[in-house]
Amino acid sequence: MTTELTTPRYIFETSWEVCNKVGGIYTVLSSRAKTLRKELKDRLVFIGPDLQSADANLDFIEDVKLLPAWKQAATAAGIHCRIGRWQVPGKPVAILVDFKPFFEEKNKIYAEAWELFGVDSLHAYGDYDEASMFSYAAGCLAETICRACIDLKKDSVVYQAHEWMSGLGMLFLKHRLPEVATIFTTHATSIGRSIAGNNKQLYAWFEGYDGDQMASELHMEAKHSIEKQSAHQADCFTTVSSFTNRECKQLLAKEADVVLPNGFENDFVPKGTQFGATRGDARERILSVARALTGFDFPTDTLIVSTSGRNDYRCKGFDVFMEAMAQLRATLNEEQVGPDKQVLALIEVPCWTVGPRADLQARLQTDACDGTPLPHPYITHALHNLDEDRIVCQLRSLGLYNYHSDNVKVILVPCYLEGNDGIFNMPYYHLLAANDLALYPSYYEPWGYTPLESCAFHTPCVTTDLSGFGQWVEDVLGHDATITDGVHVIHRNDNNYFEVADAIRSTIMQYMQLTTTQRTAVRRKATALADRAQWKHFITYYHEAYRVAMAHSKAKLKCKK
């Protein structure tokens, strides 16, 4: 990597997840904002969708006095937007754009995208239209601001688009205003994720997969087309790990110009005695919820483990997690370790939730528990599809009913944990601090924010070598990582499902046997790994991407002249 780092005068970043917490990209952008804003101040601008509903964009606060000339230019161009600040560390400028008016021009836009860029929208379905109209609106907004309010002869501008959902607008912006340097970032290829999610063997046959062919087979032509064209036509194409870069080369026929590993901002983590208090309060709440649900009095030293993430059953390894808990239960029950040795496992995964269970709320309010379990003592919130939910079905098939005689009890928490779920009423990060171990046996994980966050919150974790984070850990350590390193990286492939579950079971057994002093040492090693992945270390990769994008943009302009 070159030692010459270049920062553009303005950076526009666009993503469906700006001020819209739906996945890991939200964490990438929101945690990095503070580091970048130190350099660019209010010249760092995030563009997201204005979803215009009471429960959306909750972490956005409009400021009508902020950048009035920009708002005036957008309004004059017929683009409706709100300008304000994203309520994350650094509080960067965010612009939410109303993309719905562009639906009237949808067919014209798609026709032009085919003619100009070879983007095939013919087989589009699902969320393609909504994402593409947002992307187009965001690109139009950036073009309008650059033309009206920025001197492009003097000031350099970079426009970074995240995922296929932002690619269309980037392509149009690059065509109409080539002075703006463009970066396209894929966090996971649409075809790679689809192959994995459709129970196909991604790794055993990897070299034989053709992205275009698989797009047709999996009915992903439109998303794959915009992703592939964005990767090839951007001034700089980036992805998040060497793991995903291999995927891009195979499925998009384009290797990344720069790899941008995902960092973390430790402002999210309570310090010193505050962390201890947060951890203590969260453990007490978790155990009280588990007691009310199961009717079982958990000892205060119960080993609390968890998994979490987007509801991607196979890719995130939730199936393996539950198999591991069943194996662990069998081992502990057979060894007759006694009721004082308890493991409480939480599966924190958003599902099709109705709301908090009224019977569980009633028990928690009165703290009255006669030792009997509630019906379905393995789930905290009501579901619309209780009998069809894949996680619930596997819990039942494995017999994980949370009987008092079982030393392992598993509870599904099927909602977003933002402090207002009606049961825990604590944010996710507080509950994360309560864990003794966190388990993420991913089958497909381009990076892996959940294990990185776990380490940042002083919680050792298990991940796999099919995650970008797992590969990074072993690169940093220079050897196969075990739980005594703070992170256990388990080898996983297409066919070793039960072996991975057994490795998790063995790791938990090993951790249960550690002394308090030994556990403290392991937690410190996990924290030290997270410290090495802070944005203050990883931001240098972004500077390289900016340099590459601006250099390529200038070279293309010279060729045109």
Protein backbone atom coordinates (compact mmCIF):
# COMPACT_ATOMS: atom_id res chain seq x y z
CA MET A 1 0.00 0.00 0.00
CA THR A 2 1.26 3.46 -0.84
CA THR A 3 2.30 5.70 2.05
CA GLU A 4 0.80 8.75 0.32
CA LEU A 5 -2.68 9.25 1.74
CA THR A 6 -5.12 11.57 0.04
CA THR A 7 -8.33 12.92 1.50
CA PRO A 8 -10.89 14.47 -0.86
CA ARG A 9 -12.44 17.80 -0.01
CA TYR A 10 -15.96 16.31 0.08
CA ILE A 11 -17.17 12.76 0.59
CA PHE A 12 -20.72 11.64 -0.12
CA GLU A 13 -21.59 8.16 1.14
CA THR A 14 -24.87 6.59 0.21
CA SER A 15 -26.52 3.46 1.52
CA TRP A 16 -29.99 2.14 2.24
CA GLU A 17 -28.77 1.78 5.84
CA VAL A 18 -27.96 5.44 6.49
CA CYS A 19 -30.17 6.36 9.48
CA ASN A 20 -31.92 3.03 8.87
CA LYS A 21 -30.79 0.20 11.16
CA VAL A 22 -31.44 -2.99 9.21
CA GLY A 23 -28.05 -4.73 9.00
CA GLY A 24 -24.30 -4.66 9.38
CA ILE A 25 -23.66 -1.81 6.94
CA TYR A 26 -25.36 0.49 9.43
CA THR A 27 -22.61 -0.39 11.92
CA VAL A 28 -19.87 0.08 9.31
CA LEU A 29 -21.01 3.60 8.46
CA SER A 30 -22.16 4.80 11.88
CA SER A 31 -19.07 3.59 13.74
CA ARG A 32 -16.67 5.04 11.15
CA ALA A 33 -18.35 8.45 10.96
CA LYS A 34 -16.58 9.95 13.97
CA THR A 35 -13.10 9.09 12.68
CA LEU A 36 -13.72 10.55 9.22
CA ARG A 37 -15.53 13.61 10.51
CA LYS A 38 -12.44 14.63 12.49
CA GLU A 39 -10.79 15.24 9.12
CA LEU A 40 -13.65 16.48 6.96
CA LYS A 41 -16.00 18.19 9.44
CA ASP A 42 -19.34 18.80 7.68
CA ARG A 43 -17.86 17.96 4.29
CA LEU A 44 -18.59 14.31 5.12
CA VAL A 45 -22.18 13.75 4.06
CA PHE A 46 -24.28 10.59 4.30
CA ILE A 47 -27.28 10.12 2.01
CA GLY A 48 -30.04 7.72 3.03
CA PRO A 49 -33.68 6.97 2.23
CA ASP A 50 -36.44 9.10 3.71
CA LEU A 51 -38.80 6.32 4.73
CA GLN A 52 -41.45 8.74 6.01
CA SER A 53 -43.00 6.65 8.75
CA ALA A 54 -43.26 7.08 12.51
CA ASP A 55 -40.98 4.13 13.31
CA ALA A 56 -38.29 4.88 10.68
CA ASN A 57 -35.20 7.12 10.64
CA LEU A 58 -35.42 7.43 14.42
CA ASP A 59 -31.77 8.40 14.79
CA PHE A 60 -32.04 11.34 12.41
CA ILE A 61 -32.74 14.89 13.59
CA GLU A 62 -33.52 17.50 10.95
CA ASP A 63 -31.78 20.87 11.17
CA VAL A 64 -33.41 23.42 8.87
CA LYS A 65 -30.49 25.83 9.38
CA LEU A 66 -27.90 23.33 8.15
CA LEU A 67 -26.58 23.75 4.57
CA PRO A 68 -29.48 25.94 3.37
CA ALA A 69 -27.94 26.51 -0.08
CA TRP A 70 -27.86 22.75 -0.62
CA LYS A 71 -31.50 22.42 0.35
CA GLN A 72 -32.44 25.30 -1.93
CA ALA A 73 -30.58 23.74 -4.88
CA ALA A 74 -32.26 20.37 -4.32
CA THR A 75 -35.70 21.96 -4.08
CA ALA A 76 -35.10 23.93 -7.28
CA ALA A 77 -34.23 20.67 -9.03
CA GLY A 78 -37.45 19.05 -7.81
CA ILE A 79 -35.71 16.79 -5.28
CA HIS A 80 -37.34 16.61 -1.86
CA CYS A 81 -34.97 15.98 1.02
CA ARG A 82 -34.37 16.64 4.70
CA ILE A 83 -30.96 17.75 5.97
CA GLY A 84 -29.88 17.12 9.54
CA ARG A 85 -27.59 15.01 11.68
CA TRP A 86 -27.23 11.30 12.23
CA GLN A 87 -27.37 10.68 15.97
CA VAL A 88 -24.28 8.46 16.16
CA PRO A 89 -20.77 9.28 17.48
CA GLY A 90 -19.52 12.32 15.58
CA LYS A 91 -23.07 13.35 14.58
CA PRO A 92 -22.26 13.70 10.88
CA VAL A 93 -24.40 15.47 8.31
CA ALA A 94 -27.08 13.21 6.87
CA ILE A 95 -29.49 13.92 4.03
CA LEU A 96 -32.61 11.81 3.70
CA VAL A 97 -33.97 11.88 0.16
CA ASP A 98 -37.56 11.22 -0.88
CA PHE A 99 -37.28 8.70 -3.72
CA LYS A 100 -40.97 7.93 -4.24
CA PRO A 101 -41.56 10.62 -6.93
CA PHE A 102 -39.01 8.86 -9.16
CA PHE A 103 -41.25 5.81 -9.51
CA GLU A 104 -43.14 7.73 -12.21
CA GLU A 105 -39.94 7.68 -14.30
CA LYS A 106 -38.95 4.10 -13.42
CA ASN A 107 -39.27 2.55 -16.87
CA LYS A 108 -37.45 5.42 -18.53
CA ILE A 109 -34.64 5.21 -15.96
CA TYR A 110 -34.27 1.44 -16.44
CA ALA A 111 -34.23 1.81 -20.24
CA GLU A 112 -31.49 4.42 -20.01
CA ALA A 113 -29.53 2.24 -17.55
CA TRP A 114 -29.56 -0.58 -20.11
CA GLU A 115 -28.50 1.66 -22.96
CA LEU A 116 -25.73 3.45 -21.05
CA PHE A 117 -24.38 0.84 -18.65
CA GLY A 118 -25.72 -2.55 -19.72
CA VAL A 119 -27.70 -2.88 -16.48
CA ASP A 120 -30.47 -5.43 -17.04
CA SER A 121 -33.57 -4.63 -14.96
CA LEU A 122 -35.93 -6.78 -17.01
CA HIS A 123 -36.28 -9.52 -14.38
CA ALA A 124 -36.47 -7.20 -11.37
CA TYR A 125 -38.72 -8.13 -8.46
CA GLY A 126 -39.05 -7.67 -4.70
CA ASP A 127 -37.05 -4.79 -3.25
CA TYR A 128 -35.24 -3.97 -6.50
CA ASP A 129 -37.48 -1.08 -7.55
CA GLU A 130 -37.52 0.62 -4.17
CA ALA A 131 -33.74 0.36 -3.75
CA SER A 132 -33.04 1.50 -7.30
CA MET A 133 -35.30 4.54 -7.10
CA PHE A 134 -33.60 5.53 -3.85
CA SER A 135 -30.20 5.02 -5.44
CA TYR A 136 -31.14 7.09 -8.47
CA ALA A 137 -32.55 9.88 -6.25
CA ALA A 138 -29.37 9.91 -4.15
CA GLY A 139 -27.20 10.20 -7.27
CA CYS A 140 -29.36 13.03 -8.62
CA LEU A 141 -29.13 14.82 -5.29
CA ALA A 142 -25.33 14.58 -5.20
CA GLU A 143 -25.13 15.77 -8.82
CA THR A 144 -27.34 18.77 -8.05
CA ILE A 145 -25.30 19.77 -4.99
CA CYS A 146 -21.99 19.39 -6.82
CA ARG A 147 -23.13 21.50 -9.75
CA ALA A 148 -24.74 24.26 -7.69
CA CYS A 149 -22.69 24.46 -4.50
CA ILE A 150 -19.22 22.95 -5.05
CA ASP A 151 -16.41 24.23 -7.29
CA LEU A 152 -15.31 20.97 -8.93
CA LYS A 153 -12.32 22.69 -10.55
CA LYS A 154 -10.91 23.38 -7.11
CA ASP A 155 -12.47 20.84 -4.74
CA SER A 156 -12.21 17.07 -5.12
CA VAL A 157 -15.33 15.00 -4.46
CA VAL A 158 -15.69 11.27 -3.80
CA TYR A 159 -19.04 9.48 -3.99
CA GLN A 160 -19.04 6.08 -2.28
CA ALA A 161 -21.97 3.76 -2.95
CA HIS A 162 -22.55 0.72 -0.74
CA GLU A 163 -24.00 -2.50 -2.16
CA TRP A 164 -26.09 -3.04 -5.29
CA MET A 165 -28.84 -0.99 -3.63
CA SER A 166 -26.77 2.16 -4.25
CA GLY A 167 -25.14 1.25 -7.54
CA LEU A 168 -27.60 2.67 -10.06
CA GLY A 169 -27.33 6.25 -8.82
CA MET A 170 -23.54 6.01 -8.76
CA LEU A 171 -23.48 4.93 -12.41
CA PHE A 172 -25.70 7.83 -13.51
CA LEU A 173 -23.68 10.32 -11.44
CA LYS A 174 -20.43 9.09 -12.98
CA HIS A 175 -21.90 9.40 -16.48
CA ARG A 176 -23.31 12.88 -15.98
CA LEU A 177 -20.57 14.34 -13.81
CA PRO A 178 -17.29 12.44 -14.40
CA GLU A 179 -15.36 14.95 -12.29
CA VAL A 180 -16.75 13.17 -9.22
CA ALA A 181 -14.62 10.16 -8.29
CA THR A 182 -16.70 7.08 -7.53
CA ILE A 183 -16.20 4.12 -5.20
CA PHE A 184 -18.44 1.07 -5.23
CA THR A 185 -18.29 -1.21 -2.18
CA THR A 186 -19.82 -4.65 -2.03
CA HIS A 187 -20.10 -6.09 1.45
CA ALA A 188 -21.26 -9.47 0.12
CA THR A 189 -22.02 -10.42 -3.46
CA SER A 190 -25.69 -11.04 -4.13
CA ILE A 191 -24.88 -14.33 -5.88
CA GLY A 192 -22.55 -15.62 -3.18
CA ARG A 193 -25.13 -14.94 -0.49
CA SER A 194 -27.86 -16.50 -2.62
CA ILE A 195 -25.85 -19.67 -3.32
CA ALA A 196 -25.22 -20.09 0.40
CA GLY A 197 -28.80 -19.26 1.37
CA ASN A 198 -30.22 -21.78 -1.10
CA ASN A 199 -28.37 -24.71 0.52
CA LYS A 200 -25.94 -25.11 -2.37
CA GLN A 201 -22.30 -25.98 -1.72
CA LEU A 202 -20.57 -22.63 -2.14
CA TYR A 203 -17.04 -23.71 -1.26
CA ALA A 204 -16.66 -27.24 -2.64
CA TRP A 205 -17.58 -26.10 -6.16
CA PHE A 206 -16.45 -22.48 -5.88
CA GLU A 207 -14.05 -22.43 -8.85
CA GLY A 208 -16.79 -23.84 -11.09
CA TYR A 209 -19.39 -21.17 -10.41
CA ASP A 210 -20.11 -18.54 -13.06
CA GLY A 211 -21.81 -15.45 -11.68
CA ASP A 212 -23.99 -14.75 -14.72
CA GLN A 213 -25.11 -18.37 -14.99
CA MET A 214 -25.96 -18.59 -11.29
CA ALA A 215 -27.84 -15.28 -11.47
CA SER A 216 -30.11 -16.83 -14.08
CA GLU A 217 -30.54 -20.06 -12.15
CA LEU A 218 -31.34 -18.25 -8.89
CA HIS A 219 -33.52 -15.55 -10.53
CA MET A 220 -31.09 -12.84 -9.42
CA GLU A 221 -30.36 -11.31 -12.83
CA ALA A 222 -31.32 -7.72 -11.99
CA LYS A 223 -29.41 -7.42 -8.70
CA HIS A 224 -26.39 -9.24 -10.09
CA SER A 225 -26.38 -7.05 -13.19
CA ILE A 226 -26.32 -3.76 -11.33
CA GLU A 227 -23.73 -5.08 -8.87
CA LYS A 228 -21.43 -6.37 -11.60
CA GLN A 229 -21.66 -3.23 -13.73
CA SER A 230 -21.09 -1.01 -10.68
CA ALA A 231 -17.99 -3.01 -9.77
CA HIS A 232 -16.55 -2.74 -13.28
CA GLN A 233 -17.41 0.89 -13.97
CA ALA A 234 -16.63 2.60 -10.66
CA ASP A 235 -13.31 4.46 -10.40
CA CYS A 236 -12.46 2.24 -7.44
CA PHE A 237 -14.06 -1.09 -6.57
CA THR A 238 -13.76 -2.25 -2.96
CA THR A 239 -14.89 -5.05 -0.70
CA VAL A 240 -14.50 -5.84 2.99
CA SER A 241 -12.17 -8.83 3.25
CA SER A 242 -9.82 -11.08 1.33
CA PHE A 243 -12.51 -13.73 1.76
CA THR A 244 -15.04 -11.62 -0.16
CA ASN A 245 -12.46 -10.42 -2.66
CA ARG A 246 -12.01 -14.02 -3.83
CA GLU A 247 -15.78 -14.17 -4.29
CA CYS A 248 -15.82 -10.92 -6.28
CA LYS A 249 -13.11 -12.18 -8.60
CA GLN A 250 -15.01 -15.41 -9.28
CA LEU A 251 -18.64 -14.21 -9.40
CA LEU A 252 -18.29 -10.61 -10.61
CA ALA A 253 -15.21 -11.18 -12.78
CA LYS A 254 -13.61 -8.19 -11.04
CA GLU A 255 -11.05 -8.17 -8.28
CA ALA A 256 -11.25 -5.33 -5.77
CA ASP A 257 -8.89 -2.39 -6.21
CA VAL A 258 -8.69 -1.99 -2.43
CA VAL A 259 -9.88 -4.19 0.44
CA LEU A 260 -11.59 -2.16 3.21
CA PRO A 261 -11.78 -4.21 6.44
CA ASN A 262 -14.52 -3.17 8.82
CA GLY A 263 -13.36 -1.47 11.99
CA PHE A 264 -15.07 -0.47 15.20
CA GLU A 265 -15.34 2.71 17.28
CA ASN A 266 -14.98 1.87 20.96
CA ASP A 267 -17.03 4.89 22.06
CA PHE A 268 -19.89 2.37 22.18
CA VAL A 269 -18.19 0.48 25.02
CA PRO A 270 -18.68 1.60 28.66
CA LYS A 271 -15.42 2.17 30.52
CA GLY A 272 -14.15 0.97 33.92
CA THR A 273 -16.71 0.67 36.68
CA GLN A 274 -19.46 1.73 34.28
CA PHE A 275 -18.84 -1.42 32.24
CA GLY A 276 -19.03 -3.55 35.39
CA ALA A 277 -22.31 -1.91 36.36
CA THR A 278 -23.75 -2.36 32.86
CA ARG A 279 -22.70 -6.01 32.81
CA GLY A 280 -24.16 -6.64 36.26
CA ASP A 281 -27.50 -4.99 35.46
CA ALA A 282 -27.81 -6.84 32.16
CA ARG A 283 -27.01 -10.24 33.71
CA GLU A 284 -29.59 -9.65 36.41
CA ARG A 285 -32.22 -8.75 33.82
CA ILE A 286 -31.42 -11.73 31.60
CA LEU A 287 -31.64 -14.17 34.50
CA SER A 288 -34.89 -12.64 35.76
CA VAL A 289 -36.46 -12.97 32.28
CA ALA A 290 -35.24 -16.55 32.02
CA ARG A 291 -36.64 -17.35 35.47
CA ALA A 292 -40.04 -15.84 34.67
CA LEU A 293 -40.17 -17.73 31.37
CA THR A 294 -38.98 -21.16 32.53
CA GLY A 295 -39.92 -21.13 36.22
CA PHE A 296 -36.34 -22.12 37.07
CA ASP A 297 -34.13 -20.24 39.54
CA PHE A 298 -30.82 -19.70 37.77
CA PRO A 299 -27.67 -19.36 39.90
CA THR A 300 -25.93 -15.99 39.62
CA ASP A 301 -22.86 -17.63 38.05
CA THR A 302 -24.85 -19.16 35.20
CA LEU A 303 -22.74 -19.23 32.06
CA ILE A 304 -24.52 -16.92 29.62
CA VAL A 305 -23.79 -17.48 25.94
CA SER A 306 -25.46 -15.95 22.89
CA THR A 307 -25.60 -15.68 19.15
CA SER A 308 -27.12 -12.85 17.14
CA GLY A 309 -27.43 -11.24 13.74
CA ARG A 310 -29.67 -10.89 10.73
CA ASN A 311 -32.22 -13.70 10.38
CA ASP A 312 -30.18 -15.69 7.88
CA TYR A 313 -30.68 -19.20 9.23
CA ARG A 314 -27.93 -21.11 7.47
CA CYS A 315 -25.43 -18.36 6.61
CA LYS A 316 -25.25 -17.09 10.20
CA GLY A 317 -25.00 -20.63 11.57
CA PHE A 318 -28.05 -20.52 13.83
CA ASP A 319 -28.75 -24.15 12.92
CA VAL A 320 -25.27 -25.20 14.08
CA PHE A 321 -25.62 -23.12 17.26
CA MET A 322 -28.74 -25.01 18.28
CA GLU A 323 -27.17 -28.37 17.42
CA ALA A 324 -24.21 -27.43 19.64
CA MET A 325 -26.55 -26.55 22.51
CA ALA A 326 -28.28 -29.93 22.16
CA GLN A 327 -24.91 -31.70 22.24
CA LEU A 328 -23.82 -29.68 25.27
CA ARG A 329 -27.07 -30.46 27.09
CA ALA A 330 -26.56 -34.17 26.45
CA THR A 331 -22.98 -34.02 27.75
CA LEU A 332 -23.83 -32.09 30.93
CA ASN A 333 -26.89 -34.20 31.65
CA GLU A 334 -24.90 -37.40 31.20
CA GLU A 335 -22.15 -36.15 33.48
CA GLN A 336 -24.77 -35.23 36.10
CA VAL A 337 -22.94 -32.01 36.97
CA GLY A 338 -25.83 -30.85 39.15
CA PRO A 339 -28.32 -27.97 38.92
CA ASP A 340 -25.73 -25.41 40.02
CA LYS A 341 -23.88 -25.74 36.67
CA GLN A 342 -26.19 -23.94 34.25
CA VAL A 343 -25.74 -22.66 30.72
CA LEU A 344 -28.25 -20.13 29.40
CA ALA A 345 -28.11 -19.63 25.64
CA LEU A 346 -29.78 -16.66 23.93
CA ILE A 347 -30.60 -16.50 20.22
CA GLU A 348 -31.05 -12.80 19.51
CA VAL A 349 -32.48 -12.79 15.99
CA PRO A 350 -35.31 -10.58 14.64
CA CYS A 351 -38.26 -12.71 13.48
CA TRP A 352 -41.86 -11.98 12.46
CA THR A 353 -42.77 -10.60 15.85
CA VAL A 354 -46.22 -9.63 17.11
CA GLY A 355 -44.89 -8.03 20.28
CA PRO A 356 -43.83 -8.87 23.83
CA ARG A 357 -45.62 -11.76 25.52
CA ALA A 358 -48.26 -10.42 27.92
CA ASP A 359 -47.94 -13.43 30.24
CA LEU A 360 -44.19 -12.93 30.51
CA GLN A 361 -44.60 -9.21 31.12
CA ALA A 362 -47.09 -9.94 33.91
CA ARG A 363 -44.66 -12.26 35.67
CA LEU A 364 -41.83 -9.77 35.35
CA GLN A 365 -43.96 -6.95 36.77
CA THR A 366 -45.05 -8.89 39.84
CA ASP A 367 -41.92 -11.01 40.18
CA ALA A 368 -44.32 -13.81 41.06
CA CYS A 369 -43.14 -17.21 39.88
CA ASP A 370 -44.42 -20.44 41.37
CA GLY A 371 -41.75 -22.57 39.73
CA THR A 372 -43.85 -23.56 36.73
CA PRO A 373 -42.88 -22.63 33.17
CA LEU A 374 -45.00 -20.50 30.90
CA PRO A 375 -46.28 -22.08 27.68
CA HIS A 376 -43.50 -22.15 25.06
CA PRO A 377 -40.78 -21.38 27.63
CA TYR A 378 -38.17 -20.88 24.92
CA ILE A 379 -39.33 -17.58 23.38
CA THR A 380 -39.77 -14.09 24.83
CA HIS A 381 -42.05 -12.47 22.25
CA ALA A 382 -45.13 -13.63 20.36
CA LEU A 383 -44.69 -14.56 16.70
CA HIS A 384 -47.14 -14.42 13.83
CA ASN A 385 -45.80 -17.76 12.60
CA LEU A 386 -44.76 -19.61 15.75
CA ASP A 387 -45.31 -23.08 14.29
CA GLU A 388 -43.50 -22.29 11.04
CA ASP A 389 -40.51 -20.31 12.32
CA ARG A 390 -37.35 -22.26 11.44
CA ILE A 391 -35.56 -21.52 14.70
CA VAL A 392 -38.56 -22.53 16.82
CA CYS A 393 -39.03 -25.68 14.75
CA GLN A 394 -35.41 -26.71 15.28
CA LEU A 395 -35.59 -26.01 19.02
CA ARG A 396 -38.57 -28.34 19.17
CA SER A 397 -37.02 -31.02 16.97
CA LEU A 398 -33.93 -31.07 19.20
CA GLY A 399 -36.07 -31.29 22.32
CA LEU A 400 -34.77 -28.00 23.70
CA TYR A 401 -37.88 -27.35 25.83
CA ASN A 402 -36.01 -25.92 28.83
CA TYR A 403 -36.96 -28.62 31.34
CA HIS A 404 -35.77 -27.91 34.87
CA SER A 405 -33.63 -31.04 34.72
CA ASP A 406 -31.67 -29.74 31.72
CA ASN A 407 -28.40 -27.97 32.43
CA VAL A 408 -28.64 -26.08 29.13
CA LYS A 409 -31.61 -23.83 28.45
CA VAL A 410 -32.09 -21.96 25.18
CA ILE A 411 -34.23 -18.85 24.68
CA LEU A 412 -35.12 -17.17 21.39
CA VAL A 413 -35.26 -13.37 21.59
CA PRO A 414 -36.98 -12.62 18.24
CA CYS A 415 -36.86 -8.82 18.15
CA TYR A 416 -34.58 -5.85 17.63
CA LEU A 417 -33.00 -4.93 20.96
CA GLU A 418 -33.13 -1.14 21.08
CA GLY A 419 -34.15 -0.67 24.71
CA ASN A 420 -37.90 -0.70 24.12
CA ASP A 421 -38.75 -4.33 23.32
CA GLY A 422 -41.13 -4.70 26.29
CA ILE A 423 -39.25 -7.57 27.96
CA PHE A 424 -35.57 -6.77 28.42
CA ASN A 425 -35.88 -3.03 27.73
CA MET A 426 -32.13 -2.84 27.32
CA PRO A 427 -30.16 -2.13 24.14
CA TYR A 428 -28.30 -4.93 22.41
CA TYR A 429 -24.88 -3.73 23.52
CA HIS A 430 -25.87 -3.88 27.20
CA LEU A 431 -27.01 -7.47 26.82
CA LEU A 432 -23.83 -8.26 24.91
CA ALA A 433 -21.80 -7.08 27.90
CA ALA A 434 -23.58 -9.68 30.06
CA ASN A 435 -22.24 -12.61 28.05
CA ASP A 436 -19.53 -14.98 29.14
CA LEU A 437 -19.12 -16.31 25.59
CA ALA A 438 -20.57 -15.34 22.21
CA LEU A 439 -20.92 -17.91 19.45
CA TYR A 440 -21.07 -17.15 15.70
CA PRO A 441 -20.54 -20.37 13.68
CA SER A 442 -21.10 -18.68 10.31
CA TYR A 443 -21.26 -20.55 7.03
CA TYR A 444 -21.19 -17.33 4.98
CA GLU A 445 -19.88 -14.15 6.62
CA PRO A 446 -17.98 -11.66 4.43
CA TRP A 447 -16.67 -9.82 7.48
CA GLY A 448 -18.38 -10.49 10.80
CA TYR A 449 -19.28 -7.51 12.94
CA THR A 450 -20.94 -9.55 15.68
CA PRO A 451 -17.72 -11.30 16.79
CA LEU A 452 -15.78 -8.04 16.56
CA GLU A 453 -18.39 -6.28 18.70
CA SER A 454 -18.26 -9.16 21.14
CA CYS A 455 -14.50 -8.74 21.58
CA ALA A 456 -14.90 -4.98 21.97
CA PHE A 457 -17.29 -5.66 24.86
CA HIS A 458 -14.70 -7.88 26.57
CA THR A 459 -16.51 -11.07 25.62
CA PRO A 460 -14.49 -13.93 24.11
CA CYS A 461 -16.14 -15.54 21.13
CA VAL A 462 -16.23 -18.35 18.63
CA THR A 463 -16.32 -17.71 14.89
CA THR A 464 -15.25 -19.67 11.81
CA ASP A 465 -12.65 -19.45 9.10
CA LEU A 466 -15.48 -18.77 6.65
CA SER A 467 -15.77 -15.25 8.08
CA GLY A 468 -13.58 -12.34 7.14
CA PHE A 469 -13.06 -11.49 10.81
CA GLY A 470 -12.01 -15.06 11.60
CA GLN A 471 -9.45 -14.99 8.81
CA TRP A 472 -8.19 -11.59 9.99
CA VAL A 473 -7.75 -12.86 13.56
CA GLU A 474 -5.61 -15.77 12.43
CA ASP A 475 -3.58 -13.49 10.15
CA VAL A 476 -2.92 -11.19 13.11
CA LEU A 477 -2.07 -14.00 15.52
CA GLY A 478 -0.08 -16.01 13.01
CA HIS A 479 -1.52 -19.32 14.21
CA ASP A 480 -4.78 -21.25 14.59
CA ALA A 481 -6.82 -19.25 17.09
CA THR A 482 -8.26 -21.01 20.17
CA ILE A 483 -10.45 -19.70 22.95
CA THR A 484 -7.41 -18.91 25.11
CA ASP A 485 -6.53 -16.29 22.45
CA GLY A 486 -9.86 -14.56 23.09
CA VAL A 487 -11.31 -15.79 19.79
CA HIS A 488 -11.68 -19.42 18.74
CA VAL A 489 -11.68 -19.74 14.95
CA ILE A 490 -13.23 -23.07 14.00
CA HIS A 491 -12.59 -24.63 10.60
CA ARG A 492 -15.82 -24.92 8.66
CA ASN A 493 -16.67 -26.21 5.19
CA ASP A 494 -19.69 -27.46 3.29
CA ASN A 495 -19.80 -30.83 5.01
CA ASN A 496 -18.62 -30.63 8.64
CA TYR A 497 -21.84 -29.39 10.29
CA PHE A 498 -21.77 -31.81 13.23
CA GLU A 499 -18.02 -31.45 13.74
CA VAL A 500 -18.44 -27.66 14.08
CA ALA A 501 -21.24 -28.16 16.62
CA ASP A 502 -19.04 -30.55 18.58
CA ALA A 503 -16.16 -28.05 18.51
CA ILE A 504 -18.47 -25.40 20.00
CA ARG A 505 -19.62 -27.86 22.68
CA SER A 506 -16.00 -28.66 23.51
CA THR A 507 -15.05 -24.97 23.67
CA ILE A 508 -17.86 -24.21 26.13
CA MET A 509 -16.84 -27.18 28.28
CA GLN A 510 -13.25 -25.91 28.25
CA TYR A 511 -14.32 -22.40 29.20
CA MET A 512 -16.52 -23.64 32.05
CA GLN A 513 -13.46 -25.25 33.62
CA LEU A 514 -11.37 -22.06 33.63
CA THR A 515 -10.80 -20.22 36.89
CA THR A 516 -11.95 -16.64 37.34
CA THR A 517 -8.38 -15.43 36.83
CA GLN A 518 -8.04 -17.45 33.64
CA ARG A 519 -11.35 -16.13 32.30
CA THR A 520 -10.25 -12.58 33.01
CA ALA A 521 -7.06 -13.17 31.01
CA VAL A 522 -9.08 -14.53 28.07
CA ARG A 523 -11.43 -11.54 28.17
CA ARG A 524 -8.43 -9.19 28.07
CA LYS A 525 -7.06 -10.96 25.00
CA ALA A 526 -10.41 -10.61 23.25
CA THR A 527 -10.42 -6.89 24.04
CA ALA A 528 -6.86 -6.51 22.76
CA LEU A 529 -7.86 -8.04 19.41
CA ALA A 530 -10.77 -5.62 19.13
CA ASP A 531 -8.43 -2.71 19.88
CA ARG A 532 -6.35 -3.65 16.85
CA ALA A 533 -9.47 -3.38 14.67
CA GLN A 534 -10.45 0.15 15.68
CA TRP A 535 -11.18 2.62 12.91
CA LYS A 536 -8.13 4.68 13.84
CA HIS A 537 -6.09 1.76 12.46
CA PHE A 538 -8.32 0.71 9.55
CA ILE A 539 -9.15 4.18 8.20
CA THR A 540 -5.86 4.15 6.27
CA TYR A 541 -7.40 1.65 3.84
CA TYR A 542 -10.13 4.18 3.03
CA HIS A 543 -7.55 6.83 2.29
CA GLU A 544 -6.00 4.44 -0.19
CA ALA A 545 -9.38 3.88 -1.84
CA TYR A 546 -9.90 7.66 -2.11
CA ARG A 547 -6.47 8.03 -3.72
CA VAL A 548 -7.16 5.26 -6.22
CA ALA A 549 -10.62 6.61 -7.09
CA MET A 550 -9.41 10.17 -7.64
CA ALA A 551 -6.40 9.05 -9.67
CA HIS A 552 -8.53 6.87 -11.94
CA SER A 553 -11.14 9.60 -12.32
CA LYS A 554 -8.51 12.13 -13.37
CA ALA A 555 -6.96 9.67 -15.80
CA LYS A 556 -10.33 9.01 -17.46
CA LEU A 557 -11.00 12.74 -17.79
CA LYS A 558 -7.64 13.25 -19.49
CA CYS A 559 -8.39 10.44 -21.94
CA LYS A 560 -11.71 12.06 -22.86
CA LYS A 561 -10.00 15.37 -23.55
